[in-house]
Amino acid sequence: MKFLTPKQDAVLKYIEKYQLKHGASPTIREMRERFHVNSDNSILKHLKALEEKGYIKKDDTPRGIKILDSVKRRLESESVKLPLLGFVPAGGPILTEEYIDSWYDVGPDIAKKQEGFFLLKVIGDSMINAGIFEGDIVVVDSEKTPRNGNIVVALVDNQNTVKRYSVSDGVKYLKAENPEYSDIYPEHELIIQGTVTGLIRYYH
């Protein structure tokens, strides 16, 4: 590796820090704002130097800097411990022995942090057409705001359910991925407890 100027080193360290936090690379605009420069050219000049010196690889997309090898090694070595909840109360996931069945170590591809994430075991076959089967464990981000069409964990009639969140003409309801199940329209309140971001399945 060739010698870096102080500014090139600062840009490289910012890229590394950003990738570790977000799992993606910063845009040119984000780097401009970080280093308080008005021109893309000053950032592009540093990126070109970093690429020529072998520190980064990039393409022409907005976040086209490839994940650095140093970031890959750290992400691959860092596991996160997530709680498997037996039930999610109305107030949201509560990490107490009363609700936690067990803990699972998951890789950064499943969750990059513990805060806000939990696991829930799927009961029933209402989501089979979405590839979610009874006994599967869904990974849930309680901090992610659900969008129309997302699969969510919701509390309906004091029971947790995994369904597709749907909005039609301003009406919010839950949709199963199995034609044998009817859509669920809340009589009073629909409590969305988190958005499903992944799936864990064990084969026996």
Protein backbone atom coordinates (compact mmCIF):
# COMPACT_ATOMS: atom_id res chain seq x y z
CA MET A 1 0.00 0.00 0.00
CA LYS A 2 1.20 3.49 -0.85
CA PHE A 3 1.52 6.46 1.50
CA LEU A 4 -1.64 8.50 2.09
CA THR A 5 -1.84 12.23 2.58
CA PRO A 6 -3.62 13.36 5.79
CA LYS A 7 -6.77 14.28 3.81
CA GLN A 8 -6.82 10.95 1.95
CA ASP A 9 -6.39 9.13 5.26
CA ALA A 10 -9.26 11.13 6.78
CA VAL A 11 -11.54 10.28 3.84
CA LEU A 12 -10.62 6.59 4.06
CA LYS A 13 -11.31 6.49 7.81
CA TYR A 14 -14.66 8.21 7.30
CA ILE A 15 -15.64 5.65 4.66
CA GLU A 16 -14.65 2.81 6.98
CA LYS A 17 -16.59 4.26 9.92
CA TYR A 18 -19.64 4.89 7.73
CA GLN A 19 -19.60 1.36 6.30
CA LEU A 20 -19.35 -0.20 9.76
CA LYS A 21 -22.36 1.80 10.93
CA HIS A 22 -24.60 1.58 7.86
CA GLY A 23 -23.40 -1.47 5.94
CA ALA A 24 -23.07 0.72 2.84
CA SER A 25 -20.84 3.50 1.57
CA PRO A 26 -21.45 7.24 1.89
CA THR A 27 -22.52 9.27 -1.13
CA ILE A 28 -20.39 12.09 -2.57
CA ARG A 29 -22.80 14.60 -1.03
CA GLU A 30 -22.46 13.03 2.42
CA MET A 31 -18.68 13.17 2.14
CA ARG A 32 -18.85 16.79 0.99
CA GLU A 33 -20.95 17.67 4.03
CA ARG A 34 -18.66 15.74 6.35
CA PHE A 35 -15.54 17.56 5.14
CA HIS A 36 -17.26 20.92 4.61
CA VAL A 37 -16.41 21.31 0.93
CA ASN A 38 -18.66 22.73 -1.77
CA SER A 39 -17.33 20.87 -4.79
CA ASP A 40 -17.67 17.21 -5.76
CA ASN A 41 -14.29 17.47 -7.45
CA SER A 42 -12.32 17.75 -4.21
CA ILE A 43 -13.93 14.54 -2.92
CA LEU A 44 -13.59 12.78 -6.27
CA LYS A 45 -9.90 13.69 -6.35
CA HIS A 46 -9.31 11.98 -3.00
CA LEU A 47 -11.35 8.93 -4.04
CA LYS A 48 -9.39 8.62 -7.28
CA ALA A 49 -6.13 8.75 -5.32
CA LEU A 50 -7.39 6.11 -2.86
CA GLU A 51 -8.43 3.89 -5.76
CA GLU A 52 -5.11 4.31 -7.58
CA LYS A 53 -3.23 3.46 -4.39
CA GLY A 54 -5.29 0.28 -3.92
CA TYR A 55 -7.24 1.28 -0.82
CA ILE A 56 -10.72 1.28 -2.36
CA LYS A 57 -12.62 -0.16 -5.31
CA LYS A 58 -15.57 1.69 -6.77
CA ASP A 59 -18.08 1.93 -9.58
CA ASP A 60 -20.18 4.82 -10.89
CA THR A 61 -23.24 4.33 -8.65
CA PRO A 62 -24.03 6.83 -5.83
CA ARG A 63 -22.79 4.42 -3.16
CA GLY A 64 -20.36 2.66 -5.43
CA ILE A 65 -17.40 2.29 -3.07
CA LYS A 66 -17.07 -1.43 -2.34
CA ILE A 67 -17.10 -2.58 1.28
CA LEU A 68 -13.52 -2.35 2.55
CA ASP A 69 -11.74 -5.58 3.47
CA SER A 70 -11.17 -4.23 6.99
CA VAL A 71 -14.92 -3.65 7.34
CA LYS A 72 -15.76 -7.11 5.96
CA ARG A 73 -13.49 -8.76 8.52
CA ARG A 74 -15.01 -6.85 11.40
CA LEU A 75 -18.59 -7.41 10.27
CA GLU A 76 -18.02 -11.11 9.77
CA SER A 77 -16.49 -11.49 13.22
CA GLU A 78 -19.14 -9.52 15.08
CA SER A 79 -22.21 -11.47 16.18
CA VAL A 80 -25.24 -10.00 17.90
CA LYS A 81 -27.27 -11.69 20.63
CA LEU A 82 -31.03 -11.33 20.03
CA PRO A 83 -33.88 -12.40 22.34
CA LEU A 84 -36.49 -14.91 21.21
CA LEU A 85 -39.72 -13.65 22.73
CA GLY A 86 -42.63 -15.89 23.55
CA PHE A 87 -45.01 -12.95 23.46
CA VAL A 88 -44.80 -9.24 22.69
CA PRO A 89 -47.01 -7.15 25.02
CA ALA A 90 -48.93 -4.08 23.94
CA GLY A 91 -46.16 -1.73 25.02
CA GLY A 92 -43.68 -3.38 22.67
CA PRO A 93 -40.84 -5.87 23.20
CA ILE A 94 -39.83 -6.13 26.85
CA LEU A 95 -36.53 -7.82 27.60
CA THR A 96 -37.34 -9.56 30.87
CA GLU A 97 -37.28 -13.25 31.81
CA GLU A 98 -41.07 -13.23 31.72
CA TYR A 99 -41.07 -12.74 27.94
CA ILE A 100 -37.71 -14.12 26.76
CA ASP A 101 -37.68 -17.81 25.83
CA SER A 102 -34.01 -17.90 24.82
CA TRP A 103 -31.19 -15.93 23.17
CA TYR A 104 -29.73 -16.46 19.70
CA ASP A 105 -26.36 -15.37 18.32
CA VAL A 106 -26.85 -13.98 14.82
CA GLY A 107 -24.43 -12.54 12.28
CA PRO A 108 -24.38 -8.94 11.05
CA ASP A 109 -26.28 -10.01 7.94
CA ILE A 110 -29.26 -10.65 10.25
CA ALA A 111 -28.90 -7.66 12.58
CA LYS A 112 -26.08 -5.17 13.03
CA LYS A 113 -27.14 -4.23 16.55
CA GLN A 114 -29.10 -5.63 19.47
CA GLU A 115 -31.12 -2.54 20.27
CA GLY A 116 -34.57 -2.59 18.73
CA PHE A 117 -34.36 -6.13 17.33
CA PHE A 118 -36.07 -9.26 18.61
CA LEU A 119 -37.05 -12.72 17.36
CA LEU A 120 -40.47 -14.35 17.34
CA LYS A 121 -41.43 -17.93 16.45
CA VAL A 122 -44.16 -18.25 13.82
CA ILE A 123 -47.30 -20.17 14.74
CA GLY A 124 -49.70 -21.41 12.06
CA ASP A 125 -49.67 -21.42 8.27
CA SER A 126 -51.21 -18.05 7.43
CA MET A 127 -48.06 -16.76 5.70
CA ILE A 128 -47.00 -19.80 3.68
CA ASN A 129 -47.31 -18.02 0.32
CA ALA A 130 -44.71 -15.54 1.55
CA GLY A 131 -42.37 -18.42 2.34
CA ILE A 132 -42.93 -18.22 6.10
CA PHE A 133 -43.87 -21.49 7.76
CA GLU A 134 -44.84 -22.65 11.23
CA GLY A 135 -41.76 -22.98 13.41
CA ASP A 136 -39.79 -20.37 11.48
CA ILE A 137 -38.25 -17.56 13.51
CA VAL A 138 -38.76 -14.05 12.16
CA VAL A 139 -36.28 -11.25 12.80
CA VAL A 140 -38.13 -8.08 13.79
CA ASP A 141 -36.98 -4.46 13.89
CA SER A 142 -39.23 -2.64 16.37
CA GLU A 143 -37.78 0.74 15.35
CA LYS A 144 -38.51 0.45 11.64
CA THR A 145 -41.70 2.17 10.52
CA PRO A 146 -43.71 -0.26 8.38
CA ARG A 147 -44.64 0.62 4.83
CA ASN A 148 -47.60 -0.63 2.87
CA GLY A 149 -46.79 -4.22 1.88
CA ASN A 150 -44.21 -4.91 4.61
CA ILE A 151 -44.56 -8.03 6.75
CA VAL A 152 -45.04 -7.06 10.38
CA VAL A 153 -45.59 -8.37 13.87
CA ALA A 154 -48.82 -6.92 15.25
CA LEU A 155 -50.96 -7.29 18.35
CA VAL A 156 -54.57 -8.13 17.61
CA ASP A 157 -57.02 -9.09 20.36
CA ASN A 158 -54.11 -9.53 22.75
CA GLN A 159 -52.36 -12.03 20.47
CA ASN A 160 -49.27 -11.57 18.35
CA THR A 161 -49.60 -12.29 14.68
CA VAL A 162 -47.29 -12.13 11.66
CA LYS A 163 -49.08 -10.65 8.65
CA ARG A 164 -48.62 -8.29 5.72
CA TYR A 165 -49.35 -4.67 6.62
CA SER A 166 -51.73 -3.16 4.08
CA VAL A 167 -53.27 0.25 3.55
CA SER A 168 -56.16 0.81 1.15
CA ASP A 169 -58.06 4.11 0.87
CA GLY A 170 -56.56 5.16 4.18
CA VAL A 171 -57.75 2.02 5.96
CA LYS A 172 -55.06 -0.04 7.68
CA TYR A 173 -55.46 -3.79 7.93
CA LEU A 174 -53.49 -7.06 8.05
CA LYS A 175 -53.38 -9.45 5.14
CA ALA A 176 -52.54 -13.15 5.31
CA GLU A 177 -50.51 -14.92 2.62
CA ASN A 178 -52.83 -17.91 2.53
CA PRO A 179 -56.23 -17.75 0.77
CA GLU A 180 -57.81 -19.76 3.59
CA TYR A 181 -57.40 -16.81 5.95
CA SER A 182 -59.44 -13.61 5.89
CA ASP A 183 -57.99 -10.11 6.13
CA ILE A 184 -57.93 -8.68 9.63
CA TYR A 185 -59.53 -5.27 10.14
CA PRO A 186 -59.04 -3.83 13.63
CA GLU A 187 -62.21 -3.03 15.54
CA HIS A 188 -60.47 -0.46 17.73
CA GLU A 189 -56.71 -0.29 17.37
CA LEU A 190 -54.03 -2.00 15.33
CA ILE A 191 -50.72 -2.09 17.20
CA ILE A 192 -47.73 -2.68 14.91
CA GLN A 193 -44.86 -3.95 17.07
CA GLY A 194 -42.17 -4.23 14.45
CA THR A 195 -41.28 -4.83 10.82
CA VAL A 196 -39.99 -8.26 9.79
CA THR A 197 -36.53 -7.90 8.26
CA GLY A 198 -35.34 -11.51 8.10
CA LEU A 199 -36.05 -15.17 8.70
CA ILE A 200 -34.24 -17.96 10.52
CA ARG A 201 -35.11 -21.56 9.72
CA TYR A 202 -33.65 -24.71 11.23
CA TYR A 203 -33.82 -28.06 9.47
CA HIS A 204 -34.17 -31.19 11.54
